[in-house]
Amino acid sequence: SRSGDIYNINNHGAFNWAMNSPNAQLNISMTQEEVTCVREMLDSYRAMIVSAGVSDEVAADADIIAAEIEDEFSSAAPEGGKVKALGEKLGELAATGTVTAIVNALNAVIQQGIAGL
């Protein structure tokens, strides 16, 4: 659909985007299903991160990043790329843990949460 000089492409599998177009912007916002999936990932992450054997500093950093993800959900059009990058940071923090089984479980939870972004 077209609104002024803004074109909205909804539920379209593929399209061409002209490179070097003046004032061109591409914003891909998350679906409600994707937001729900990432929220579930965050709930699991928060429940497991301390048990993974990370330092208090790492746990605090993880809380900050999780809050940044939640803040992104509050925006008018949450960006999947930003949420994915923040989710990958959570994975890096989890990898510092000393309890291998929980670290592996956390990474699986994270990958499942951000897979579609």
C-alpha atoms as a PDB file:
ATOM      1  CA  SER A   1       0.000   0.000   0.000  1.00  0.00           C
ATOM      2  CA  ARG A   2       1.106   3.607  -0.407  1.00  0.00           C
ATOM      3  CA  SER A   3       0.837   6.412   2.114  1.00  0.00           C
ATOM      4  CA  GLY A   4       2.320   9.720   0.923  1.00  0.00           C
ATOM      5  CA  ASP A   5       5.914   8.934   0.033  1.00  0.00           C
ATOM      6  CA  ILE A   6       5.970   5.825   2.222  1.00  0.00           C
ATOM      7  CA  TYR A   7       5.364   2.399   0.752  1.00  0.00           C
ATOM      8  CA  ASN A   8       4.227  -0.330   3.119  1.00  0.00           C
ATOM      9  CA  ILE A   9       4.904  -3.898   2.021  1.00  0.00           C
ATOM     10  CA  ASN A  10       3.125  -6.345   4.276  1.00  0.00           C
ATOM     11  CA  ASN A  11       3.308 -10.150   4.295  1.00  0.00           C
ATOM     12  CA  HIS A  12       5.359 -10.298   1.129  1.00  0.00           C
ATOM     13  CA  GLY A  13       7.925 -13.079   0.887  1.00  0.00           C
ATOM     14  CA  ALA A  14      10.426 -11.315  -1.367  1.00  0.00           C
ATOM     15  CA  PHE A  15      10.842  -7.980  -3.099  1.00  0.00           C
ATOM     16  CA  ASN A  16      13.554  -5.903  -4.771  1.00  0.00           C
ATOM     17  CA  TRP A  17      14.978  -2.854  -3.024  1.00  0.00           C
ATOM     18  CA  ALA A  18      16.719  -0.211  -5.116  1.00  0.00           C
ATOM     19  CA  MET A  19      20.241   0.479  -3.879  1.00  0.00           C
ATOM     20  CA  ASN A  20      21.456   4.073  -3.594  1.00  0.00           C
ATOM     21  CA  SER A  21      17.919   5.432  -3.629  1.00  0.00           C
ATOM     22  CA  PRO A  22      17.830   8.897  -2.046  1.00  0.00           C
ATOM     23  CA  ASN A  23      16.162   8.879   1.363  1.00  0.00           C
ATOM     24  CA  ALA A  24      15.397   5.162   1.098  1.00  0.00           C
ATOM     25  CA  GLN A  25      14.924   3.337   4.387  1.00  0.00           C
ATOM     26  CA  LEU A  26      14.059  -0.267   5.062  1.00  0.00           C
ATOM     27  CA  ASN A  27      12.512  -1.063   8.423  1.00  0.00           C
ATOM     28  CA  ILE A  28      11.506  -4.612   9.194  1.00  0.00           C
ATOM     29  CA  SER A  29       9.481  -4.791  12.370  1.00  0.00           C
ATOM     30  CA  MET A  30       8.828  -7.920  14.377  1.00  0.00           C
ATOM     31  CA  THR A  31       5.540  -9.770  14.337  1.00  0.00           C
ATOM     32  CA  GLN A  32       3.643 -10.348  17.579  1.00  0.00           C
ATOM     33  CA  GLU A  33       4.542 -14.047  17.330  1.00  0.00           C
ATOM     34  CA  GLU A  34       8.258 -13.193  17.143  1.00  0.00           C
ATOM     35  CA  VAL A  35       7.947 -10.848  20.134  1.00  0.00           C
ATOM     36  CA  THR A  36       6.196 -13.586  22.125  1.00  0.00           C
ATOM     37  CA  CYS A  37       8.898 -16.117  21.222  1.00  0.00           C
ATOM     38  CA  VAL A  38      11.696 -13.774  22.323  1.00  0.00           C
ATOM     39  CA  ARG A  39       9.832 -12.895  25.541  1.00  0.00           C
ATOM     40  CA  GLU A  40       9.617 -16.604  26.370  1.00  0.00           C
ATOM     41  CA  MET A  41      13.348 -16.886  25.671  1.00  0.00           C
ATOM     42  CA  LEU A  42      14.023 -13.974  28.040  1.00  0.00           C
ATOM     43  CA  ASP A  43      11.943 -15.597  30.791  1.00  0.00           C
ATOM     44  CA  SER A  44      13.936 -18.832  30.482  1.00  0.00           C
ATOM     45  CA  TYR A  45      17.229 -16.946  30.273  1.00  0.00           C
ATOM     46  CA  ARG A  46      16.517 -14.946  33.413  1.00  0.00           C
ATOM     47  CA  ALA A  47      15.542 -18.102  35.288  1.00  0.00           C
ATOM     48  CA  MET A  48      18.726 -19.948  34.284  1.00  0.00           C
ATOM     49  CA  ILE A  49      21.548 -17.389  33.991  1.00  0.00           C
ATOM     50  CA  VAL A  50      22.676 -17.402  37.630  1.00  0.00           C
ATOM     51  CA  SER A  51      22.602 -21.219  37.718  1.00  0.00           C
ATOM     52  CA  ALA A  52      24.993 -21.236  34.754  1.00  0.00           C
ATOM     53  CA  GLY A  53      27.805 -20.157  37.062  1.00  0.00           C
ATOM     54  CA  VAL A  54      28.348 -16.675  35.671  1.00  0.00           C
ATOM     55  CA  SER A  55      29.822 -13.881  37.761  1.00  0.00           C
ATOM     56  CA  ASP A  56      27.589 -11.313  39.442  1.00  0.00           C
ATOM     57  CA  GLU A  57      28.884  -8.723  36.966  1.00  0.00           C
ATOM     58  CA  VAL A  58      27.911 -10.886  33.995  1.00  0.00           C
ATOM     59  CA  ALA A  59      24.464 -11.513  35.505  1.00  0.00           C
ATOM     60  CA  ALA A  60      24.008  -7.745  35.934  1.00  0.00           C
ATOM     61  CA  ASP A  61      25.089  -7.132  32.324  1.00  0.00           C
ATOM     62  CA  ALA A  62      22.600  -9.781  31.177  1.00  0.00           C
ATOM     63  CA  ASP A  63      19.817  -8.002  33.079  1.00  0.00           C
ATOM     64  CA  ILE A  64      20.697  -4.752  31.308  1.00  0.00           C
ATOM     65  CA  ILE A  65      20.658  -6.387  27.873  1.00  0.00           C
ATOM     66  CA  ALA A  66      17.377  -8.171  28.621  1.00  0.00           C
ATOM     67  CA  ALA A  67      15.892  -4.814  29.623  1.00  0.00           C
ATOM     68  CA  GLU A  68      17.126  -3.307  26.332  1.00  0.00           C
ATOM     69  CA  ILE A  69      15.299  -6.062  24.466  1.00  0.00           C
ATOM     70  CA  GLU A  70      12.124  -5.376  26.448  1.00  0.00           C
ATOM     71  CA  ASP A  71      12.516  -1.658  25.667  1.00  0.00           C
ATOM     72  CA  GLU A  72      12.730  -2.465  21.968  1.00  0.00           C
ATOM     73  CA  PHE A  73       9.411  -4.328  22.249  1.00  0.00           C
ATOM     74  CA  SER A  74       7.878  -1.110  23.588  1.00  0.00           C
ATOM     75  CA  SER A  75       8.835   0.817  20.454  1.00  0.00           C
ATOM     76  CA  ALA A  76       6.284   1.453  17.716  1.00  0.00           C
ATOM     77  CA  ALA A  77       8.006  -1.042  15.390  1.00  0.00           C
ATOM     78  CA  PRO A  78      10.425  -3.395  17.184  1.00  0.00           C
ATOM     79  CA  GLU A  79      13.389  -4.212  14.950  1.00  0.00           C
ATOM     80  CA  GLY A  80      14.272  -7.881  14.660  1.00  0.00           C
ATOM     81  CA  GLY A  81      17.893  -7.159  13.734  1.00  0.00           C
ATOM     82  CA  LYS A  82      18.460  -5.166  16.903  1.00  0.00           C
ATOM     83  CA  VAL A  83      16.780  -7.806  19.068  1.00  0.00           C
ATOM     84  CA  LYS A  84      18.824 -10.563  17.402  1.00  0.00           C
ATOM     85  CA  ALA A  85      22.089  -8.698  18.028  1.00  0.00           C
ATOM     86  CA  LEU A  86      21.164  -8.197  21.682  1.00  0.00           C
ATOM     87  CA  GLY A  87      20.184 -11.872  21.946  1.00  0.00           C
ATOM     88  CA  GLU A  88      23.579 -12.847  20.572  1.00  0.00           C
ATOM     89  CA  LYS A  89      25.185 -10.705  23.306  1.00  0.00           C
ATOM     90  CA  LEU A  90      23.189 -12.698  25.867  1.00  0.00           C
ATOM     91  CA  GLY A  91      24.702 -15.850  24.350  1.00  0.00           C
ATOM     92  CA  GLU A  92      28.203 -14.433  24.748  1.00  0.00           C
ATOM     93  CA  LEU A  93      27.496 -13.663  28.397  1.00  0.00           C
ATOM     94  CA  ALA A  94      26.071 -17.143  29.006  1.00  0.00           C
ATOM     95  CA  ALA A  95      29.203 -18.680  27.492  1.00  0.00           C
ATOM     96  CA  THR A  96      31.244 -17.328  30.420  1.00  0.00           C
ATOM     97  CA  GLY A  97      29.395 -19.676  32.797  1.00  0.00           C
ATOM     98  CA  THR A  98      31.082 -22.611  34.485  1.00  0.00           C
ATOM     99  CA  VAL A  99      28.153 -25.067  34.441  1.00  0.00           C
ATOM    100  CA  THR A 100      28.435 -26.497  30.933  1.00  0.00           C
ATOM    101  CA  ALA A 101      25.052 -28.207  30.787  1.00  0.00           C
ATOM    102  CA  ILE A 102      23.217 -25.013  31.733  1.00  0.00           C
ATOM    103  CA  VAL A 103      25.364 -22.884  29.407  1.00  0.00           C
ATOM    104  CA  ASN A 104      24.491 -25.256  26.550  1.00  0.00           C
ATOM    105  CA  ALA A 105      20.803 -25.131  27.476  1.00  0.00           C
ATOM    106  CA  LEU A 106      20.889 -21.326  27.591  1.00  0.00           C
ATOM    107  CA  ASN A 107      22.474 -21.137  24.171  1.00  0.00           C
ATOM    108  CA  ALA A 108      19.818 -23.487  22.776  1.00  0.00           C
ATOM    109  CA  VAL A 109      17.077 -21.327  24.311  1.00  0.00           C
ATOM    110  CA  ILE A 110      18.626 -18.175  22.853  1.00  0.00           C
ATOM    111  CA  GLN A 111      19.029 -19.664  19.392  1.00  0.00           C
ATOM    112  CA  GLN A 112      15.426 -20.853  19.427  1.00  0.00           C
ATOM    113  CA  GLY A 113      14.258 -17.396  20.535  1.00  0.00           C
ATOM    114  CA  ILE A 114      16.102 -15.449  17.843  1.00  0.00           C
ATOM    115  CA  ALA A 115      16.116 -18.021  15.017  1.00  0.00           C
ATOM    116  CA  GLY A 116      13.478 -16.297  12.920  1.00  0.00           C
ATOM    117  CA  LEU A 117      14.830 -12.759  13.254  1.00  0.00           C
END
